[in-house]
Protein backbone atom coordinates (compact mmCIF):
# COMPACT_ATOMS: atom_id res chain seq x y z
CA MET A 1 79.75 122.72 141.23
CA ILE A 2 80.96 119.49 142.35
CA ALA A 3 84.71 118.68 142.66
CA PHE A 4 86.25 115.71 140.95
CA THR A 5 87.43 114.77 144.33
CA GLU A 6 84.28 114.89 145.95
CA LEU A 7 82.08 112.27 143.01
CA ALA A 8 85.03 109.96 143.70
CA LEU A 9 85.29 109.45 147.45
CA ALA A 10 81.10 110.00 147.16
CA THR A 11 81.39 106.94 144.95
CA TYR A 12 83.74 105.11 147.77
CA CYS A 13 81.97 106.21 150.86
CA PRO A 14 79.27 109.05 150.82
CA ARG A 15 79.53 109.18 154.59
CA LYS A 16 83.34 110.06 154.29
CA LEU A 17 82.60 112.54 152.16
CA TYR A 18 79.91 113.85 154.87
CA TYR A 19 82.43 113.77 157.55
CA ARG A 20 85.21 115.43 155.31
CA ARG A 21 82.76 118.13 154.65
CA LYS A 22 82.25 118.86 158.17
CA ASN A 23 85.36 118.88 159.40
CA ASP A 24 86.45 120.62 156.00
CA ASP A 25 89.19 118.84 155.58
CA PHE A 26 90.00 118.90 151.98
CA GLU A 27 93.82 119.50 151.85
CA ALA A 28 95.49 117.59 149.30
CA PRO A 29 97.51 114.26 151.15
CA ASP A 30 101.04 113.66 150.06
CA GLN A 31 101.41 110.62 147.44
CA PRO A 32 104.22 108.95 147.31
CA GLY A 33 104.95 107.53 143.80
CA PHE A 34 102.65 109.90 141.89
CA GLU A 35 106.07 111.59 139.96
CA LEU A 36 106.48 107.92 138.53
CA ALA A 37 103.66 108.56 135.89
CA PHE A 38 106.12 111.32 134.30
CA ARG A 39 109.25 108.65 134.18
CA TYR A 40 107.95 105.94 132.65
CA PRO A 41 110.76 105.96 130.09
CA SER A 42 113.27 105.71 132.26
CA LEU A 43 111.78 103.52 134.56
CA LEU A 44 111.74 100.90 131.82
CA ASP A 45 115.46 101.24 130.94
CA ALA A 46 117.32 98.47 132.85
CA ALA A 47 120.19 100.38 133.99
CA THR A 48 117.77 102.31 136.11
CA ASP A 49 118.36 101.22 139.82
CA LEU A 50 114.56 100.79 140.97
CA THR A 51 115.19 99.55 144.25
CA ASP A 52 114.62 102.93 146.07
CA GLU A 53 111.74 104.32 143.91
CA PRO A 54 108.63 104.54 145.93
CA ILE A 55 106.81 101.27 143.78
CA ALA A 56 104.56 99.21 145.52
CA ILE A 57 105.52 95.64 144.16
CA SER A 58 109.18 94.26 143.11
CA PRO A 59 111.33 95.90 140.44
CA ALA A 60 111.01 92.65 138.19
CA SER A 61 106.93 92.88 138.62
CA PHE A 62 107.04 96.47 138.15
CA ARG A 63 109.07 96.47 135.06
CA LYS A 64 107.09 93.57 133.47
CA ASN A 65 103.87 95.25 133.84
CA LEU A 66 105.23 98.74 132.75
CA ARG A 67 106.71 96.48 129.44
CA ARG A 68 102.88 94.95 129.10
CA THR A 69 101.72 98.23 129.21
CA ARG A 70 103.27 99.51 126.74
CA ARG A 71 102.61 96.73 124.49
CA ARG A 72 98.94 96.84 125.05
CA VAL A 73 97.62 100.89 125.33
CA ASP A 74 97.79 102.01 121.95
CA ARG A 75 98.73 105.71 123.39
CA PHE A 76 101.58 105.20 125.57
CA ASP A 77 104.17 107.23 124.01
CA GLU A 78 101.59 109.98 124.46
CA LEU A 79 100.84 109.33 128.08
CA CYS A 80 104.75 109.49 128.60
CA SER A 81 105.08 112.96 126.99
CA PRO A 82 101.57 114.18 127.63
CA ALA A 83 100.27 117.76 125.69
CA ARG A 84 99.75 119.12 129.26
CA ARG A 85 100.04 118.06 133.03
CA SER A 86 97.52 119.13 135.74
CA VAL A 87 95.27 120.55 133.55
CA TYR A 88 92.23 122.50 135.27
CA LEU A 89 88.78 121.38 133.86
CA ALA A 90 85.46 123.12 134.22
CA GLY A 91 82.14 121.19 132.93
CA ARG A 92 78.41 121.80 133.67
CA ASP A 93 78.29 119.72 136.70
CA ALA A 94 82.05 119.29 137.80
CA HIS A 95 85.46 120.60 138.06
CA GLY A 96 88.93 119.79 138.89
CA VAL A 97 92.23 118.50 137.59
CA ALA A 98 93.31 115.88 134.99
CA HIS A 99 96.65 114.79 135.96
CA LYS A 100 97.31 114.62 132.10
CA LEU A 101 96.22 115.70 129.01
CA LEU A 102 96.34 114.01 125.41
CA ALA A 103 95.91 116.23 122.48
CA ASP A 104 94.39 114.56 119.36
CA PRO A 105 92.15 113.36 119.91
CA PRO A 106 91.74 114.78 123.20
CA ALA A 107 91.59 112.69 126.21
CA PRO A 108 92.41 112.87 130.29
CA SER A 109 94.22 110.60 132.07
CA ILE A 110 93.85 110.35 136.18
CA VAL A 111 96.62 109.18 138.28
CA SER A 112 96.65 106.75 141.40
CA VAL A 113 99.04 105.57 143.47
CA GLY A 114 96.61 102.73 145.26
CA THR A 115 96.48 99.20 143.87
CA PRO A 116 94.90 98.25 140.79
CA PRO A 117 91.69 95.59 140.54
CA SER A 118 92.80 92.66 138.74
CA THR A 119 91.45 94.18 135.76
CA GLY A 120 89.49 97.52 134.41
CA VAL A 121 89.39 100.07 137.42
CA TRP A 122 87.93 100.91 140.74
CA GLU A 123 84.76 102.73 140.24
CA PRO A 124 85.82 105.72 142.17
CA HIS A 125 88.71 106.06 139.46
CA ALA A 126 86.19 105.48 136.81
CA VAL A 127 83.60 108.39 138.13
CA ARG A 128 86.49 110.97 138.33
CA ALA A 129 87.96 110.06 135.05
CA VAL A 130 84.25 109.93 133.53
CA ALA A 131 84.04 113.64 135.25
CA ALA A 132 87.26 114.85 133.59
CA THR A 133 86.09 113.45 130.05
CA LYS A 134 82.92 115.27 130.76
CA ALA A 135 84.53 118.83 131.40
CA LEU A 136 86.97 118.01 128.79
CA ALA A 137 84.17 117.65 126.56
CA TYR A 138 82.32 120.20 127.37
CA GLU A 139 84.81 122.56 127.11
CA ARG A 140 86.06 121.12 123.51
CA GLU A 141 82.20 121.46 122.43
CA THR A 142 83.24 118.09 121.32
CA LYS A 143 82.35 114.26 122.19
CA ILE A 144 85.49 112.46 124.09
CA GLU A 145 84.73 108.43 124.25
CA THR A 146 88.17 107.41 126.02
CA ALA A 147 89.80 107.85 129.42
CA TYR A 148 92.72 106.53 131.29
CA VAL A 149 93.56 105.68 134.63
CA GLU A 150 97.36 105.25 135.55
CA TYR A 151 98.34 103.03 138.69
CA ALA A 152 101.49 104.55 138.58
CA THR A 153 103.06 102.36 141.43
CA HIS A 154 102.39 99.59 139.91
CA GLY A 155 103.06 100.27 136.58
CA LEU A 156 99.94 99.92 135.18
CA ILE A 157 97.64 101.99 132.96
CA ARG A 158 94.22 101.20 132.04
CA GLU A 159 92.00 102.78 129.33
CA LEU A 160 88.05 103.34 130.27
CA GLU A 161 85.54 103.34 127.87
CA ILE A 162 82.67 105.98 128.25
CA THR A 163 80.00 103.67 128.20
CA GLY A 164 76.79 104.17 129.28
CA ARG A 165 77.26 102.52 132.27
CA ARG A 166 80.30 104.38 133.37
CA ARG A 167 77.77 107.54 132.69
CA ALA A 168 75.02 106.10 135.25
CA GLN A 169 77.67 105.38 137.76
CA TYR A 170 78.74 109.01 137.03
CA ARG A 171 75.25 110.37 137.83
CA ARG A 172 74.52 108.45 140.36
CA ALA A 173 77.83 110.15 142.18
CA VAL A 174 76.49 113.69 141.09
CA ARG A 175 72.83 112.76 142.64
CA THR A 176 74.66 111.95 145.98
CA VAL A 177 76.49 114.91 146.53
CA GLU A 178 73.86 117.31 145.58
CA THR A 179 71.15 115.51 148.12
CA LEU A 180 74.23 115.00 150.94
CA GLY A 181 72.65 116.13 153.61
CA ASP A 182 72.44 114.33 157.21
CA PRO A 183 75.45 111.65 157.43
CA PRO A 184 74.22 108.64 155.25
CA PRO A 185 74.09 104.71 156.26
CA ARG A 186 76.92 103.49 157.36
CA LEU A 187 78.66 101.05 154.97
CA GLN A 188 78.86 97.21 155.46
CA GLN A 189 82.16 96.73 153.66
CA ARG A 190 84.02 97.47 156.90
CA THR A 191 87.27 96.85 155.27
CA LYS A 192 87.06 100.21 154.18
CA CYS A 193 86.70 101.66 157.37
CA ARG A 194 89.96 100.17 158.93
CA SER A 195 91.94 103.17 157.86
CA CYS A 196 89.81 105.59 157.51
CA ALA A 197 90.33 108.87 160.05
CA TYR A 198 86.84 109.17 160.73
CA ARG A 199 86.07 105.86 162.16
CA GLU A 200 85.69 106.96 165.48
CA SER A 201 83.66 110.12 164.63
CA CYS A 202 81.20 107.55 162.48
CA GLY A 203 80.83 105.11 164.77
CA VAL A 204 81.33 101.78 162.73
CA ARG A 205 82.96 98.90 164.29
CA THR A 206 85.68 97.53 161.97
CA GLU A 207 85.46 93.64 161.74
CA SER A 208 87.74 91.80 163.89
CA LEU A 209 88.03 87.79 164.80
CA PHE A 210 85.20 88.84 167.58
CA THR A 211 82.91 90.50 165.47
CA ARG A 212 83.15 87.45 162.78
CA LEU A 213 82.47 84.86 165.48
CA PHE A 214 79.99 87.06 167.40
CA GLY A 215 79.09 90.17 166.12
């Protein structure tokens, strides 16, 4: 069975997943800001000083985002106090942890400390959320059509409808992981490679002024 994190990484960069498997390097990294997702009510309180909190934007922008999120997300209160947290789920194809689990109707939420896109969610997060949704549906023997992705350090929660397109993205990720053998082709998006721990092993050239002009 495939881990949710492997599906997300295969969506982001199959080659990175190859090197992580090769090096057996699956220790979970520290995620400063993760616990913010469980403290939204106190962070909304004007009396709370956000100066030393691990937020990624200014305190004013963070609180503005969180207020807007509270207005837009119907299940905001439930996400503040989820029925369960850090729930292990095992489906037909994949297994892993949903960071939050809402009860009625059931829905998983995945927390990220990264930067969100201007709208929607990044595809690796969508694939992970779909994996959690499918695993939850498998365990509960019920259809689940919604998941959430929380960009905690930005005070944003995005609701994700589990559409046919999202399911297709998930199936592509499953096939990628299942067929991963020799190193996959290098990415063309070299901006992804700049902070990658496997950059030297991979041999990709990160973009610089020289390569933009002469590469």
